[in-house]
C-alpha atoms as a PDB file:
ATOM      1  CA  MET A   1      88.166  82.061 109.405  1.00  0.00           C
ATOM      2  CA  ILE A   2      91.272  79.464 109.639  1.00  0.00           C
ATOM      3  CA  GLY A   3      92.224  81.741 112.778  1.00  0.00           C
ATOM      4  CA  PHE A   4      89.036  81.465 113.813  1.00  0.00           C
ATOM      5  CA  THR A   5      88.897  77.943 113.386  1.00  0.00           C
ATOM      6  CA  ILE A   6      92.202  77.609 115.237  1.00  0.00           C
ATOM      7  CA  ASN A   7      91.228  80.546 118.018  1.00  0.00           C
ATOM      8  CA  TYR A   8      88.175  77.688 118.964  1.00  0.00           C
ATOM      9  CA  ALA A   9      90.185  74.472 118.650  1.00  0.00           C
ATOM     10  CA  LEU A  10      93.006  76.636 122.028  1.00  0.00           C
ATOM     11  CA  ASN A  11      90.071  77.352 123.755  1.00  0.00           C
ATOM     12  CA  ILE A  12      88.468  74.326 123.841  1.00  0.00           C
ATOM     13  CA  LYS A  13      91.600  72.352 124.474  1.00  0.00           C
ATOM     14  CA  TRP A  14      93.365  74.784 127.143  1.00  0.00           C
ATOM     15  CA  VAL A  15      91.383  77.347 128.168  1.00  0.00           C
ATOM     16  CA  PHE A  16      87.929  75.967 129.243  1.00  0.00           C
ATOM     17  CA  SER A  17      87.605  72.665 131.327  1.00  0.00           C
ATOM     18  CA  TYR A  18      84.145  72.258 130.478  1.00  0.00           C
ATOM     19  CA  ARG A  19      82.118  72.056 127.487  1.00  0.00           C
ATOM     20  CA  LYS A  20      78.392  72.710 127.628  1.00  0.00           C
ATOM     21  CA  TYR A  21      77.805  71.374 124.008  1.00  0.00           C
ATOM     22  CA  LEU A  22      80.469  68.847 123.946  1.00  0.00           C
ATOM     23  CA  GLU A  23      77.973  66.621 121.989  1.00  0.00           C
ATOM     24  CA  ARG A  24      77.164  69.408 119.420  1.00  0.00           C
ATOM     25  CA  PRO A  25      80.438  71.040 118.044  1.00  0.00           C
ATOM     26  CA  LEU A  26      78.535  72.504 115.361  1.00  0.00           C
ATOM     27  CA  TYR A  27      76.559  74.181 117.110  1.00  0.00           C
ATOM     28  CA  GLU A  28      79.116  75.369 119.432  1.00  0.00           C
ATOM     29  CA  TYR A  29      81.574  76.056 116.765  1.00  0.00           C
ATOM     30  CA  ILE A  30      78.197  78.603 115.693  1.00  0.00           C
ATOM     31  CA  LEU A  31      77.716  80.089 118.487  1.00  0.00           C
ATOM     32  CA  MET A  32      81.063  80.975 119.445  1.00  0.00           C
ATOM     33  CA  ALA A  33      81.288  83.247 115.935  1.00  0.00           C
ATOM     34  CA  ALA A  34      78.289  84.818 116.651  1.00  0.00           C
ATOM     35  CA  ILE A  35      79.747  85.793 119.581  1.00  0.00           C
ATOM     36  CA  SER A  36      82.950  86.528 118.237  1.00  0.00           C
ATOM     37  CA  LEU A  37      80.805  88.984 115.823  1.00  0.00           C
ATOM     38  CA  PHE A  38      78.720  90.354 118.314  1.00  0.00           C
ATOM     39  CA  VAL A  39      82.123  91.854 119.821  1.00  0.00           C
ATOM     40  CA  SER A  40      83.717  92.589 117.058  1.00  0.00           C
ATOM     41  CA  GLY A  41      80.486  95.350 116.384  1.00  0.00           C
ATOM     42  CA  LEU A  42      81.210  96.556 119.412  1.00  0.00           C
ATOM     43  CA  ASN A  43      84.846  96.781 119.366  1.00  0.00           C
ATOM     44  CA  ILE A  44      83.928  99.034 115.737  1.00  0.00           C
ATOM     45  CA  ILE A  45      81.385 100.868 117.538  1.00  0.00           C
ATOM     46  CA  GLY A  46      83.092 101.796 120.931  1.00  0.00           C
ATOM     47  CA  ILE A  47      86.451 102.978 118.626  1.00  0.00           C
ATOM     48  CA  TRP A  48      83.784 104.996 116.525  1.00  0.00           C
ATOM     49  CA  PHE A  49      82.515 106.592 120.091  1.00  0.00           C
ATOM     50  CA  LEU A  50      85.396 107.298 121.941  1.00  0.00           C
ATOM     51  CA  SER A  51      87.697 108.978 118.945  1.00  0.00           C
ATOM     52  CA  GLU A  52      84.298 110.519 117.495  1.00  0.00           C
ATOM     53  CA  PHE A  53      82.809 111.869 120.356  1.00  0.00           C
ATOM     54  CA  VAL A  54      84.856 111.528 123.480  1.00  0.00           C
ATOM     55  CA  LYS A  55      87.795 113.216 121.265  1.00  0.00           C
ATOM     56  CA  ILE A  56      89.923 110.592 122.537  1.00  0.00           C
ATOM     57  CA  TYR A  57      92.805 109.242 119.918  1.00  0.00           C
ATOM     58  CA  TYR A  58      92.040 106.609 117.755  1.00  0.00           C
ATOM     59  CA  ILE A  59      94.830 104.446 118.675  1.00  0.00           C
ATOM     60  CA  THR A  60      94.762 105.222 122.873  1.00  0.00           C
ATOM     61  CA  SER A  61      90.485 104.181 121.693  1.00  0.00           C
ATOM     62  CA  LYS A  62      91.318 101.041 120.072  1.00  0.00           C
ATOM     63  CA  ILE A  63      93.552 100.071 123.403  1.00  0.00           C
ATOM     64  CA  ILE A  64      90.853 100.888 125.476  1.00  0.00           C
ATOM     65  CA  ILE A  65      88.416  99.403 123.693  1.00  0.00           C
ATOM     66  CA  SER A  66      90.547  96.122 123.191  1.00  0.00           C
ATOM     67  CA  ILE A  67      90.695  95.503 126.566  1.00  0.00           C
ATOM     68  CA  PHE A  68      87.176  95.777 127.255  1.00  0.00           C
ATOM     69  CA  THR A  69      86.170  93.535 124.200  1.00  0.00           C
ATOM     70  CA  PHE A  70      88.807  91.511 125.623  1.00  0.00           C
ATOM     71  CA  LEU A  71      87.153  90.677 128.932  1.00  0.00           C
ATOM     72  CA  ILE A  72      83.939  90.796 127.216  1.00  0.00           C
ATOM     73  CA  LYS A  73      84.363  88.001 124.514  1.00  0.00           C
ATOM     74  CA  PHE A  74      85.899  85.960 127.674  1.00  0.00           C
ATOM     75  CA  LEU A  75      83.027  86.204 130.306  1.00  0.00           C
ATOM     76  CA  ILE A  76      80.211  85.670 127.310  1.00  0.00           C
ATOM     77  CA  ARG A  77      81.682  82.346 126.486  1.00  0.00           C
ATOM     78  CA  LYS A  78      82.117  81.315 129.749  1.00  0.00           C
ATOM     79  CA  LYS A  79      78.802  82.092 130.549  1.00  0.00           C
ATOM     80  CA  ILE A  80      77.088  80.693 127.474  1.00  0.00           C
ATOM     81  CA  LEU A  81      79.740  78.135 126.159  1.00  0.00           C
ATOM     82  CA  PHE A  82      81.732  76.501 128.835  1.00  0.00           C
ATOM     83  CA  GLN A  83      79.980  77.058 132.141  1.00  0.00           C
ATOM     84  CA  ILE A  84      77.653  74.442 133.616  1.00  0.00           C
END
């Protein structure tokens, strides 16, 4: 929880210049948490899928999925939270 809060603070300060929910920071925080939970689920499912069905070594699966989920999380946050 502390790590997520620090991540949230850094995102609103340095990463995105426009905040769609500037007047509703708790709502913005909850949306950001929901996005993170969703992407974490994608991360788990992706590692499982690549390791079990595609038969990729689990560490390689983790690297592939981590890059994918990093991009997905950034794009979803940008679209939902920080874009006009």
